[in-house]
Amino acid sequence: MMKSLVLVACLMMAYTAMADEGEAKIVLIKNILNDLVTEGHDLTIEYKLFNIGESAATDVHLADSNFHDSDFELVSGMTSVKWERIPAQSNVTHVVVVKPLKSAGFNFTSATVNYVAAEGSDPTFGMSNELGELNILSLKEYKRVHASHMVEWGLFGVWCIPSIVMPYFLYYQSKSKYAVKPKSS
């Protein structure tokens, strides 16, 4: 989260220095919300669009071509979205949920944004940050590391029973053998 805020601040300063006065300026941040990226489990990707300009951005198109049908199953959301208008000094968030179908290293590249910065101007093109290559864990590896291991714990308990019962049994036999019996009167 802090890394995203620092990135937004740096991009805002760069755009402010470079862009024309009175135009819309869109900053796009792409972020994965999951701690672990695992085959067969939902992967949540969040896109934040910040309009740091002085006017509204119109005809805004967000597109991400990372998630091919052969590698990912789309669970919810869309990888291509359009907004008619994003007001000045405001932001918009879009979330996409996909399910990885394969385990391997996967390169998460930039998403793109196209928008009209001012009335009558040509469309402006921008890109998000790149997340780089992330390793998608296989389902087998995920279960090995994060499963409850109930069978293993059950077997461990069964194997511990002799080491607990045998000393007690020996103690009880010894106590019975050497215990002083009360005399009857």
C-alpha atoms as a PDB file:
ATOM      1  CA  MET A   1       0.000   0.000   0.000  1.00  0.00           C
ATOM      2  CA  MET A   2       2.773   2.418   0.956  1.00  0.00           C
ATOM      3  CA  LYS A   3       4.680   1.531  -2.212  1.00  0.00           C
ATOM      4  CA  SER A   4       1.601   2.441  -4.285  1.00  0.00           C
ATOM      5  CA  LEU A   5       1.224   5.799  -2.532  1.00  0.00           C
ATOM      6  CA  VAL A   6       4.880   6.667  -3.131  1.00  0.00           C
ATOM      7  CA  LEU A   7       4.503   5.668  -6.783  1.00  0.00           C
ATOM      8  CA  VAL A   8       1.374   7.826  -7.143  1.00  0.00           C
ATOM      9  CA  ALA A   9       3.159  10.804  -5.562  1.00  0.00           C
ATOM     10  CA  CYS A  10       6.159  10.440  -7.905  1.00  0.00           C
ATOM     11  CA  LEU A  11       3.949  10.068 -10.971  1.00  0.00           C
ATOM     12  CA  MET A  12       1.865  13.069  -9.935  1.00  0.00           C
ATOM     13  CA  MET A  13       4.979  15.252  -9.696  1.00  0.00           C
ATOM     14  CA  ALA A  14       6.267  14.011 -13.064  1.00  0.00           C
ATOM     15  CA  TYR A  15       2.937  14.582 -14.814  1.00  0.00           C
ATOM     16  CA  THR A  16       2.544  18.015 -13.269  1.00  0.00           C
ATOM     17  CA  ALA A  17       5.957  19.063 -14.529  1.00  0.00           C
ATOM     18  CA  MET A  18       5.422  17.699 -18.061  1.00  0.00           C
ATOM     19  CA  ALA A  19       1.781  18.246 -18.961  1.00  0.00           C
ATOM     20  CA  ASP A  20      -0.045  21.275 -20.264  1.00  0.00           C
ATOM     21  CA  GLU A  21      -2.067  23.431 -17.923  1.00  0.00           C
ATOM     22  CA  GLY A  22      -5.807  22.768 -17.716  1.00  0.00           C
ATOM     23  CA  GLU A  23      -5.707  19.229 -19.126  1.00  0.00           C
ATOM     24  CA  ALA A  24      -6.699  15.965 -17.512  1.00  0.00           C
ATOM     25  CA  LYS A  25      -3.828  13.764 -16.361  1.00  0.00           C
ATOM     26  CA  ILE A  26      -4.571  10.104 -15.593  1.00  0.00           C
ATOM     27  CA  VAL A  27      -2.259   8.008 -13.406  1.00  0.00           C
ATOM     28  CA  LEU A  28      -2.970   4.255 -13.520  1.00  0.00           C
ATOM     29  CA  ILE A  29      -1.826   1.909 -10.737  1.00  0.00           C
ATOM     30  CA  LYS A  30      -2.150  -1.873 -11.122  1.00  0.00           C
ATOM     31  CA  ASN A  31      -1.936  -3.963  -7.954  1.00  0.00           C
ATOM     32  CA  ILE A  32      -2.453  -7.614  -6.963  1.00  0.00           C
ATOM     33  CA  LEU A  33      -4.391  -7.892  -3.717  1.00  0.00           C
ATOM     34  CA  ASN A  34      -3.517 -11.550  -2.951  1.00  0.00           C
ATOM     35  CA  ASP A  35      -0.602 -12.535  -0.737  1.00  0.00           C
ATOM     36  CA  LEU A  36      -0.184 -15.840  -2.591  1.00  0.00           C
ATOM     37  CA  VAL A  37      -0.824 -16.477  -6.262  1.00  0.00           C
ATOM     38  CA  THR A  38      -1.966 -20.092  -6.547  1.00  0.00           C
ATOM     39  CA  GLU A  39      -3.229 -22.262  -9.376  1.00  0.00           C
ATOM     40  CA  GLY A  40      -6.974 -22.832  -9.082  1.00  0.00           C
ATOM     41  CA  HIS A  41      -7.572 -20.047  -6.500  1.00  0.00           C
ATOM     42  CA  ASP A  42      -9.017 -16.584  -7.167  1.00  0.00           C
ATOM     43  CA  LEU A  43      -6.525 -13.827  -7.987  1.00  0.00           C
ATOM     44  CA  THR A  44      -7.743 -10.257  -7.423  1.00  0.00           C
ATOM     45  CA  ILE A  45      -6.256  -7.443  -9.502  1.00  0.00           C
ATOM     46  CA  GLU A  46      -7.091  -3.833  -8.632  1.00  0.00           C
ATOM     47  CA  TYR A  47      -6.737  -0.890 -11.007  1.00  0.00           C
ATOM     48  CA  LYS A  48      -6.771   2.633  -9.595  1.00  0.00           C
ATOM     49  CA  LEU A  49      -7.126   5.559 -11.985  1.00  0.00           C
ATOM     50  CA  PHE A  50      -6.293   8.985 -10.539  1.00  0.00           C
ATOM     51  CA  ASN A  51      -7.151  12.136 -12.484  1.00  0.00           C
ATOM     52  CA  ILE A  52      -4.605  14.602 -11.121  1.00  0.00           C
ATOM     53  CA  GLY A  53      -5.300  17.176 -13.820  1.00  0.00           C
ATOM     54  CA  GLU A  54      -7.313  20.350 -13.746  1.00  0.00           C
ATOM     55  CA  SER A  55     -10.125  19.196 -16.048  1.00  0.00           C
ATOM     56  CA  ALA A  56     -12.207  16.081 -16.510  1.00  0.00           C
ATOM     57  CA  ALA A  57     -10.893  13.170 -18.563  1.00  0.00           C
ATOM     58  CA  THR A  58     -13.419  11.923 -21.100  1.00  0.00           C
ATOM     59  CA  ASP A  59     -13.798   8.729 -23.097  1.00  0.00           C
ATOM     60  CA  VAL A  60     -11.523   6.791 -20.713  1.00  0.00           C
ATOM     61  CA  HIS A  61     -10.650   3.209 -21.789  1.00  0.00           C
ATOM     62  CA  LEU A  62      -8.795   0.799 -19.492  1.00  0.00           C
ATOM     63  CA  ALA A  63      -7.480  -2.440 -21.021  1.00  0.00           C
ATOM     64  CA  ASP A  64      -5.298  -5.267 -19.725  1.00  0.00           C
ATOM     65  CA  SER A  65      -4.276  -7.999 -22.156  1.00  0.00           C
ATOM     66  CA  ASN A  66      -2.421 -10.168 -19.610  1.00  0.00           C
ATOM     67  CA  PHE A  67      -5.161 -12.681 -18.920  1.00  0.00           C
ATOM     68  CA  HIS A  68      -5.443 -15.058 -21.896  1.00  0.00           C
ATOM     69  CA  ASP A  69      -8.070 -17.814 -21.863  1.00  0.00           C
ATOM     70  CA  SER A  70      -5.358 -20.491 -21.998  1.00  0.00           C
ATOM     71  CA  ASP A  71      -3.744 -19.229 -18.754  1.00  0.00           C
ATOM     72  CA  PHE A  72      -6.592 -17.673 -16.742  1.00  0.00           C
ATOM     73  CA  GLU A  73     -10.321 -18.108 -16.204  1.00  0.00           C
ATOM     74  CA  LEU A  74     -12.218 -14.830 -15.772  1.00  0.00           C
ATOM     75  CA  VAL A  75     -14.295 -15.072 -12.566  1.00  0.00           C
ATOM     76  CA  SER A  76     -15.672 -11.540 -12.275  1.00  0.00           C
ATOM     77  CA  GLY A  77     -15.087  -8.100 -13.730  1.00  0.00           C
ATOM     78  CA  MET A  78     -13.870  -7.196 -17.200  1.00  0.00           C
ATOM     79  CA  THR A  79     -10.360  -6.720 -18.534  1.00  0.00           C
ATOM     80  CA  SER A  80     -11.529  -3.884 -20.779  1.00  0.00           C
ATOM     81  CA  VAL A  81     -13.591  -1.082 -19.214  1.00  0.00           C
ATOM     82  CA  LYS A  82     -14.837   2.319 -20.367  1.00  0.00           C
ATOM     83  CA  TRP A  83     -15.852   5.415 -18.411  1.00  0.00           C
ATOM     84  CA  GLU A  84     -17.463   8.396 -20.098  1.00  0.00           C
ATOM     85  CA  ARG A  85     -15.929  10.886 -17.671  1.00  0.00           C
ATOM     86  CA  ILE A  86     -13.573  11.005 -14.701  1.00  0.00           C
ATOM     87  CA  PRO A  87     -13.791  14.408 -12.979  1.00  0.00           C
ATOM     88  CA  ALA A  88     -10.702  16.443 -12.097  1.00  0.00           C
ATOM     89  CA  GLN A  89      -8.998  15.600  -8.801  1.00  0.00           C
ATOM     90  CA  SER A  90     -10.899  12.318  -8.393  1.00  0.00           C
ATOM     91  CA  ASN A  91     -10.213   8.642  -8.771  1.00  0.00           C
ATOM     92  CA  VAL A  92     -11.892   5.438  -9.948  1.00  0.00           C
ATOM     93  CA  THR A  93     -11.183   1.866  -8.889  1.00  0.00           C
ATOM     94  CA  HIS A  94     -11.834  -1.265 -10.944  1.00  0.00           C
ATOM     95  CA  VAL A  95     -11.374  -4.857  -9.740  1.00  0.00           C
ATOM     96  CA  VAL A  96     -10.942  -8.010 -11.833  1.00  0.00           C
ATOM     97  CA  VAL A  97     -10.941 -11.531 -10.374  1.00  0.00           C
ATOM     98  CA  VAL A  98      -9.287 -14.301 -12.394  1.00  0.00           C
ATOM     99  CA  LYS A  99      -8.313 -17.892 -11.651  1.00  0.00           C
ATOM    100  CA  PRO A 100      -4.865 -19.092 -12.804  1.00  0.00           C
ATOM    101  CA  LEU A 101      -5.104 -22.401 -14.698  1.00  0.00           C
ATOM    102  CA  LYS A 102      -1.359 -23.222 -14.737  1.00  0.00           C
ATOM    103  CA  SER A 103       1.471 -23.069 -12.262  1.00  0.00           C
ATOM    104  CA  ALA A 104       4.637 -21.381 -13.497  1.00  0.00           C
ATOM    105  CA  GLY A 105       6.389 -18.041 -13.518  1.00  0.00           C
ATOM    106  CA  PHE A 106       4.080 -15.487 -15.130  1.00  0.00           C
ATOM    107  CA  ASN A 107       5.031 -11.999 -16.284  1.00  0.00           C
ATOM    108  CA  PHE A 108       2.361  -9.460 -15.287  1.00  0.00           C
ATOM    109  CA  THR A 109       2.828  -6.568 -17.714  1.00  0.00           C
ATOM    110  CA  SER A 110       1.286  -3.094 -17.776  1.00  0.00           C
ATOM    111  CA  ALA A 111      -2.339  -2.227 -18.314  1.00  0.00           C
ATOM    112  CA  THR A 112      -3.100   0.602 -20.727  1.00  0.00           C
ATOM    113  CA  VAL A 113      -5.362   3.610 -20.521  1.00  0.00           C
ATOM    114  CA  ASN A 114      -6.583   5.884 -23.356  1.00  0.00           C
ATOM    115  CA  TYR A 115      -8.434   9.119 -22.656  1.00  0.00           C
ATOM    116  CA  VAL A 116      -9.163  12.546 -24.063  1.00  0.00           C
ATOM    117  CA  ALA A 117      -7.362  15.095 -21.888  1.00  0.00           C
ATOM    118  CA  ALA A 118      -9.129  18.219 -23.160  1.00  0.00           C
ATOM    119  CA  GLU A 119     -11.975  18.984 -25.551  1.00  0.00           C
ATOM    120  CA  GLY A 120     -10.893  18.767 -29.155  1.00  0.00           C
ATOM    121  CA  SER A 121      -7.493  17.186 -28.403  1.00  0.00           C
ATOM    122  CA  ASP A 122      -6.181  13.844 -29.602  1.00  0.00           C
ATOM    123  CA  PRO A 123      -6.506  10.814 -27.297  1.00  0.00           C
ATOM    124  CA  THR A 124      -3.735  10.414 -24.726  1.00  0.00           C
ATOM    125  CA  PHE A 125      -2.159   7.010 -24.101  1.00  0.00           C
ATOM    126  CA  GLY A 126      -0.799   5.861 -20.732  1.00  0.00           C
ATOM    127  CA  MET A 127       0.432   2.720 -19.050  1.00  0.00           C
ATOM    128  CA  SER A 128       0.322   1.343 -15.527  1.00  0.00           C
ATOM    129  CA  ASN A 129       3.173   0.020 -13.464  1.00  0.00           C
ATOM    130  CA  GLU A 130       4.507  -3.459 -14.280  1.00  0.00           C
ATOM    131  CA  LEU A 131       4.237  -6.052 -11.539  1.00  0.00           C
ATOM    132  CA  GLY A 132       6.950  -8.195 -13.107  1.00  0.00           C
ATOM    133  CA  GLU A 133       7.276 -11.946 -12.974  1.00  0.00           C
ATOM    134  CA  LEU A 134       5.420 -13.684 -10.160  1.00  0.00           C
ATOM    135  CA  ASN A 135       5.509 -17.381  -9.423  1.00  0.00           C
ATOM    136  CA  ILE A 136       2.123 -19.105  -9.523  1.00  0.00           C
ATOM    137  CA  LEU A 137       2.219 -21.958  -6.994  1.00  0.00           C
ATOM    138  CA  SER A 138       0.886 -25.338  -8.045  1.00  0.00           C
ATOM    139  CA  LEU A 139      -2.135 -26.648  -6.164  1.00  0.00           C
ATOM    140  CA  LYS A 140      -0.070 -29.586  -4.870  1.00  0.00           C
ATOM    141  CA  GLU A 141       2.615 -27.252  -3.450  1.00  0.00           C
ATOM    142  CA  TYR A 142      -0.015 -24.974  -1.909  1.00  0.00           C
ATOM    143  CA  LYS A 143      -1.725 -27.909  -0.154  1.00  0.00           C
ATOM    144  CA  ARG A 144       1.599 -29.261   1.053  1.00  0.00           C
ATOM    145  CA  VAL A 145       2.494 -25.968   2.714  1.00  0.00           C
ATOM    146  CA  HIS A 146      -0.919 -24.710   3.877  1.00  0.00           C
ATOM    147  CA  ALA A 147      -3.050 -27.808   4.537  1.00  0.00           C
ATOM    148  CA  SER A 148      -4.135 -28.728   8.070  1.00  0.00           C
ATOM    149  CA  HIS A 149      -2.353 -32.132   7.860  1.00  0.00           C
ATOM    150  CA  MET A 150      -5.061 -33.846   9.958  1.00  0.00           C
ATOM    151  CA  VAL A 151      -4.021 -37.369   8.860  1.00  0.00           C
ATOM    152  CA  GLU A 152      -0.415 -36.702   9.842  1.00  0.00           C
ATOM    153  CA  TRP A 153      -1.424 -35.287  13.233  1.00  0.00           C
ATOM    154  CA  GLY A 154      -3.774 -38.246  13.814  1.00  0.00           C
ATOM    155  CA  LEU A 155      -0.983 -40.741  13.071  1.00  0.00           C
ATOM    156  CA  PHE A 156       1.373 -38.793  15.337  1.00  0.00           C
ATOM    157  CA  GLY A 157      -1.166 -39.060  18.168  1.00  0.00           C
ATOM    158  CA  VAL A 158      -1.597 -42.805  17.638  1.00  0.00           C
ATOM    159  CA  TRP A 159       2.190 -43.292  17.639  1.00  0.00           C
ATOM    160  CA  CYS A 160       2.479 -41.307  20.893  1.00  0.00           C
ATOM    161  CA  ILE A 161       0.004 -43.552  22.753  1.00  0.00           C
ATOM    162  CA  PRO A 162       2.510 -46.372  23.464  1.00  0.00           C
ATOM    163  CA  SER A 163       5.095 -43.957  24.875  1.00  0.00           C
ATOM    164  CA  ILE A 164       2.461 -42.588  27.278  1.00  0.00           C
ATOM    165  CA  VAL A 165       0.539 -45.783  28.128  1.00  0.00           C
ATOM    166  CA  MET A 166       3.541 -48.128  28.639  1.00  0.00           C
ATOM    167  CA  PRO A 167       5.223 -46.098  31.432  1.00  0.00           C
ATOM    168  CA  TYR A 168       1.830 -45.714  33.166  1.00  0.00           C
ATOM    169  CA  PHE A 169       1.182 -49.458  32.874  1.00  0.00           C
ATOM    170  CA  LEU A 170       4.630 -50.242  34.363  1.00  0.00           C
ATOM    171  CA  TYR A 171       4.030 -47.760  37.192  1.00  0.00           C
ATOM    172  CA  TYR A 172       0.632 -49.279  37.966  1.00  0.00           C
ATOM    173  CA  GLN A 173       2.076 -52.854  38.017  1.00  0.00           C
ATOM    174  CA  SER A 174       4.907 -51.783  40.318  1.00  0.00           C
ATOM    175  CA  LYS A 175       2.544 -49.945  42.646  1.00  0.00           C
ATOM    176  CA  SER A 176       0.205 -52.950  42.852  1.00  0.00           C
ATOM    177  CA  LYS A 177       3.069 -55.338  43.552  1.00  0.00           C
ATOM    178  CA  TYR A 178       4.764 -53.299  46.294  1.00  0.00           C
ATOM    179  CA  ALA A 179       1.828 -51.488  47.838  1.00  0.00           C
ATOM    180  CA  VAL A 180       1.195 -52.226  51.554  1.00  0.00           C
ATOM    181  CA  LYS A 181      -2.202 -53.753  52.053  1.00  0.00           C
ATOM    182  CA  PRO A 182      -4.135 -52.716  55.127  1.00  0.00           C
ATOM    183  CA  LYS A 183      -4.595 -55.412  57.774  1.00  0.00           C
ATOM    184  CA  SER A 184      -8.048 -56.514  58.556  1.00  0.00           C
ATOM    185  CA  SER A 185      -8.939 -56.495  62.254  1.00  0.00           C
END
